Amino acid sequence: MKKTPLLNVALSRLIASLGHGDKVVIGDAGLPVPPQVELIDLALTHGIPDFVSTLKVVLSEMQVESHVLAEEILDKQPSALTTLEALHAEGALGERELVSHEQFKVISRQARAIIRTGECSPYCNIVLIAGVTF
């Protein structure tokens, strides 16, 4: 049995296979998933699992160099933004890039996978860009 918090086989496999610069998206329940991008669907119902819990568990195993958010998240101010700001201040998310939501969807086409949560707050999406541990 694993010692880290992440138990999901598909997520563990994904994170173990990442190389420097690879992109992983954690998205809300409504984020479109391009046909060519792997979908890891965790959504069970509205709010389960939530965006923040999913992000924290992914961060327990993934080395992140930088991240991308849609600038609209700053306007809508979902409750998850407080956690995102704290994680960013701690350095857990690396450098930040803000783009339009439309540009965010274009970037998500380059992702190795999109992790779909049950989050139903607008713009609770993040692109995590893999770093290295050395």
C-alpha atoms as a PDB file:
ATOM      1  CA  MET A   1       0.000   0.000   0.000  1.00  0.00           C
ATOM      2  CA  LYS A   2       1.246   3.488  -0.852  1.00  0.00           C
ATOM      3  CA  LYS A   3       2.406   5.799   1.920  1.00  0.00           C
ATOM      4  CA  THR A   4       1.431   9.034   0.208  1.00  0.00           C
ATOM      5  CA  PRO A   5      -2.153  10.381   0.202  1.00  0.00           C
ATOM      6  CA  LEU A   6      -2.765   9.674  -3.506  1.00  0.00           C
ATOM      7  CA  LEU A   7      -4.495   6.309  -3.953  1.00  0.00           C
ATOM      8  CA  ASN A   8      -6.006   6.713  -7.428  1.00  0.00           C
ATOM      9  CA  VAL A   9      -4.173   4.393  -9.829  1.00  0.00           C
ATOM     10  CA  ALA A  10      -4.714   6.541 -12.929  1.00  0.00           C
ATOM     11  CA  LEU A  11      -3.434   9.687 -11.192  1.00  0.00           C
ATOM     12  CA  SER A  12      -0.402   7.882  -9.762  1.00  0.00           C
ATOM     13  CA  ARG A  13       0.446   6.500 -13.198  1.00  0.00           C
ATOM     14  CA  LEU A  14       0.059   9.922 -14.788  1.00  0.00           C
ATOM     15  CA  ILE A  15       2.264  11.718 -12.276  1.00  0.00           C
ATOM     16  CA  ALA A  16       4.927   9.005 -12.396  1.00  0.00           C
ATOM     17  CA  SER A  17       5.077   9.338 -16.192  1.00  0.00           C
ATOM     18  CA  LEU A  18       5.469  13.143 -16.349  1.00  0.00           C
ATOM     19  CA  GLY A  19       8.548  14.801 -17.747  1.00  0.00           C
ATOM     20  CA  HIS A  20       9.780  18.357 -17.323  1.00  0.00           C
ATOM     21  CA  GLY A  21       7.311  20.787 -18.893  1.00  0.00           C
ATOM     22  CA  ASP A  22       4.433  18.333 -19.247  1.00  0.00           C
ATOM     23  CA  LYS A  23       1.018  19.833 -18.512  1.00  0.00           C
ATOM     24  CA  VAL A  24      -1.754  18.439 -16.321  1.00  0.00           C
ATOM     25  CA  VAL A  25      -5.111  20.181 -15.976  1.00  0.00           C
ATOM     26  CA  ILE A  26      -7.348  19.937 -12.938  1.00  0.00           C
ATOM     27  CA  GLY A  27     -10.766  21.124 -14.005  1.00  0.00           C
ATOM     28  CA  ASP A  28     -14.232  21.792 -12.763  1.00  0.00           C
ATOM     29  CA  ALA A  29     -17.154  19.641 -13.879  1.00  0.00           C
ATOM     30  CA  GLY A  30     -17.864  21.849 -16.904  1.00  0.00           C
ATOM     31  CA  LEU A  31     -14.413  22.208 -18.463  1.00  0.00           C
ATOM     32  CA  PRO A  32     -14.441  20.751 -21.988  1.00  0.00           C
ATOM     33  CA  VAL A  33     -12.014  17.903 -22.625  1.00  0.00           C
ATOM     34  CA  PRO A  34     -10.489  17.803 -26.117  1.00  0.00           C
ATOM     35  CA  PRO A  35     -10.874  14.368 -27.775  1.00  0.00           C
ATOM     36  CA  GLN A  36      -7.112  13.765 -27.991  1.00  0.00           C
ATOM     37  CA  VAL A  37      -6.455  14.449 -24.281  1.00  0.00           C
ATOM     38  CA  GLU A  38      -6.772  11.702 -21.675  1.00  0.00           C
ATOM     39  CA  LEU A  39      -9.616  12.259 -19.214  1.00  0.00           C
ATOM     40  CA  ILE A  40      -9.251  11.081 -15.632  1.00  0.00           C
ATOM     41  CA  ASP A  41     -12.810  11.521 -14.414  1.00  0.00           C
ATOM     42  CA  LEU A  42     -13.097  11.724 -10.636  1.00  0.00           C
ATOM     43  CA  ALA A  43     -16.465  13.519 -10.598  1.00  0.00           C
ATOM     44  CA  LEU A  44     -19.164  11.745  -8.582  1.00  0.00           C
ATOM     45  CA  THR A  45     -21.735  14.493  -8.034  1.00  0.00           C
ATOM     46  CA  HIS A  46     -21.876  18.268  -7.533  1.00  0.00           C
ATOM     47  CA  GLY A  47     -18.889  19.241  -5.414  1.00  0.00           C
ATOM     48  CA  ILE A  48     -17.451  15.742  -4.937  1.00  0.00           C
ATOM     49  CA  PRO A  49     -14.542  15.671  -5.163  1.00  0.00           C
ATOM     50  CA  ASP A  50     -13.940  19.383  -4.905  1.00  0.00           C
ATOM     51  CA  PHE A  51     -11.209  21.255  -6.752  1.00  0.00           C
ATOM     52  CA  VAL A  52      -9.105  22.143  -3.700  1.00  0.00           C
ATOM     53  CA  SER A  53      -8.973  18.597  -2.279  1.00  0.00           C
ATOM     54  CA  THR A  54      -8.018  17.206  -5.659  1.00  0.00           C
ATOM     55  CA  LEU A  55      -5.308  19.825  -6.164  1.00  0.00           C
ATOM     56  CA  LYS A  56      -3.775  19.218  -2.734  1.00  0.00           C
ATOM     57  CA  VAL A  57      -3.578  15.464  -3.265  1.00  0.00           C
ATOM     58  CA  VAL A  58      -2.021  15.882  -6.721  1.00  0.00           C
ATOM     59  CA  LEU A  59       0.522  18.312  -5.255  1.00  0.00           C
ATOM     60  CA  SER A  60       1.499  15.692  -2.666  1.00  0.00           C
ATOM     61  CA  GLU A  61       3.211  13.768  -5.481  1.00  0.00           C
ATOM     62  CA  MET A  62       3.741  16.176  -8.373  1.00  0.00           C
ATOM     63  CA  GLN A  63       6.658  18.601  -8.647  1.00  0.00           C
ATOM     64  CA  VAL A  64       5.221  21.795 -10.132  1.00  0.00           C
ATOM     65  CA  GLU A  65       7.343  24.411 -11.878  1.00  0.00           C
ATOM     66  CA  SER A  66       4.554  26.793 -12.838  1.00  0.00           C
ATOM     67  CA  HIS A  67       0.819  27.042 -13.327  1.00  0.00           C
ATOM     68  CA  VAL A  68      -1.757  28.744 -15.516  1.00  0.00           C
ATOM     69  CA  LEU A  69      -5.102  30.178 -14.426  1.00  0.00           C
ATOM     70  CA  ALA A  70      -7.878  31.862 -16.378  1.00  0.00           C
ATOM     71  CA  GLU A  71      -7.893  35.536 -15.430  1.00  0.00           C
ATOM     72  CA  GLU A  72     -11.680  35.301 -14.978  1.00  0.00           C
ATOM     73  CA  ILE A  73     -11.085  33.437 -11.698  1.00  0.00           C
ATOM     74  CA  LEU A  74      -9.939  36.759 -10.222  1.00  0.00           C
ATOM     75  CA  ASP A  75     -13.256  38.377 -11.182  1.00  0.00           C
ATOM     76  CA  LYS A  76     -15.514  35.550  -9.966  1.00  0.00           C
ATOM     77  CA  GLN A  77     -13.528  34.989  -6.736  1.00  0.00           C
ATOM     78  CA  PRO A  78     -14.583  31.384  -6.031  1.00  0.00           C
ATOM     79  CA  SER A  79     -13.683  30.144  -2.547  1.00  0.00           C
ATOM     80  CA  ALA A  80     -10.899  27.999  -4.064  1.00  0.00           C
ATOM     81  CA  LEU A  81      -9.030  31.188  -4.977  1.00  0.00           C
ATOM     82  CA  THR A  82      -8.020  31.688  -1.325  1.00  0.00           C
ATOM     83  CA  THR A  83      -6.291  28.298  -1.334  1.00  0.00           C
ATOM     84  CA  LEU A  84      -4.699  28.944  -4.728  1.00  0.00           C
ATOM     85  CA  GLU A  85      -3.269  32.227  -3.455  1.00  0.00           C
ATOM     86  CA  ALA A  86      -1.883  30.526  -0.321  1.00  0.00           C
ATOM     87  CA  LEU A  87      -0.312  27.667  -2.304  1.00  0.00           C
ATOM     88  CA  HIS A  88       1.194  30.178  -4.724  1.00  0.00           C
ATOM     89  CA  ALA A  89       2.624  32.235  -1.840  1.00  0.00           C
ATOM     90  CA  GLU A  90       4.156  29.041  -0.359  1.00  0.00           C
ATOM     91  CA  GLY A  91       5.834  28.290  -3.697  1.00  0.00           C
ATOM     92  CA  ALA A  92       3.901  25.039  -4.196  1.00  0.00           C
ATOM     93  CA  LEU A  93       2.639  26.196  -7.602  1.00  0.00           C
ATOM     94  CA  GLY A  94       5.733  27.938  -8.949  1.00  0.00           C
ATOM     95  CA  GLU A  95       5.373  30.867 -11.332  1.00  0.00           C
ATOM     96  CA  ARG A  96       1.880  32.012 -12.319  1.00  0.00           C
ATOM     97  CA  GLU A  97       0.564  32.886 -15.766  1.00  0.00           C
ATOM     98  CA  LEU A  98      -2.874  34.419 -16.247  1.00  0.00           C
ATOM     99  CA  VAL A  99      -4.643  33.975 -19.586  1.00  0.00           C
ATOM    100  CA  SER A 100      -8.191  34.371 -20.871  1.00  0.00           C
ATOM    101  CA  HIS A 101     -10.523  31.419 -20.356  1.00  0.00           C
ATOM    102  CA  GLU A 102     -10.539  30.875 -24.118  1.00  0.00           C
ATOM    103  CA  GLN A 103      -6.729  30.738 -24.163  1.00  0.00           C
ATOM    104  CA  PHE A 104      -6.848  28.399 -21.151  1.00  0.00           C
ATOM    105  CA  LYS A 105      -8.942  25.963 -23.204  1.00  0.00           C
ATOM    106  CA  VAL A 106      -6.402  26.179 -26.053  1.00  0.00           C
ATOM    107  CA  ILE A 107      -3.547  25.399 -23.628  1.00  0.00           C
ATOM    108  CA  SER A 108      -5.511  22.441 -22.221  1.00  0.00           C
ATOM    109  CA  ARG A 109      -5.301  20.783 -25.659  1.00  0.00           C
ATOM    110  CA  GLN A 110      -1.570  20.271 -24.949  1.00  0.00           C
ATOM    111  CA  ALA A 111      -2.176  18.545 -21.609  1.00  0.00           C
ATOM    112  CA  ARG A 112      -1.113  14.979 -20.946  1.00  0.00           C
ATOM    113  CA  ALA A 113      -4.428  14.600 -19.093  1.00  0.00           C
ATOM    114  CA  ILE A 114      -7.355  16.540 -17.696  1.00  0.00           C
ATOM    115  CA  ILE A 115      -8.517  15.571 -14.232  1.00  0.00           C
ATOM    116  CA  ARG A 116     -12.257  16.240 -13.966  1.00  0.00           C
ATOM    117  CA  THR A 117     -13.557  17.029 -10.489  1.00  0.00           C
ATOM    118  CA  GLY A 118     -17.095  17.513  -9.244  1.00  0.00           C
ATOM    119  CA  GLU A 119     -16.378  21.215  -8.643  1.00  0.00           C
ATOM    120  CA  CYS A 120     -19.241  23.426  -9.776  1.00  0.00           C
ATOM    121  CA  SER A 121     -17.726  26.870  -9.141  1.00  0.00           C
ATOM    122  CA  PRO A 122     -16.893  28.901 -12.243  1.00  0.00           C
ATOM    123  CA  TYR A 123     -13.288  28.998 -13.472  1.00  0.00           C
ATOM    124  CA  CYS A 124     -11.947  26.508 -10.898  1.00  0.00           C
ATOM    125  CA  ASN A 125      -9.401  25.161 -13.356  1.00  0.00           C
ATOM    126  CA  ILE A 126      -5.616  25.066 -13.296  1.00  0.00           C
ATOM    127  CA  VAL A 127      -2.861  23.931 -15.625  1.00  0.00           C
ATOM    128  CA  LEU A 128       0.039  22.476 -13.653  1.00  0.00           C
ATOM    129  CA  ILE A 129       3.371  22.432 -15.491  1.00  0.00           C
ATOM    130  CA  ALA A 130       5.718  19.723 -14.273  1.00  0.00           C
ATOM    131  CA  GLY A 131       9.083  20.594 -12.856  1.00  0.00           C
ATOM    132  CA  VAL A 132      11.982  18.387 -11.851  1.00  0.00           C
ATOM    133  CA  THR A 133      13.136  17.351  -8.400  1.00  0.00           C
ATOM    134  CA  PHE A 134      16.825  17.870  -9.112  1.00  0.00           C
END
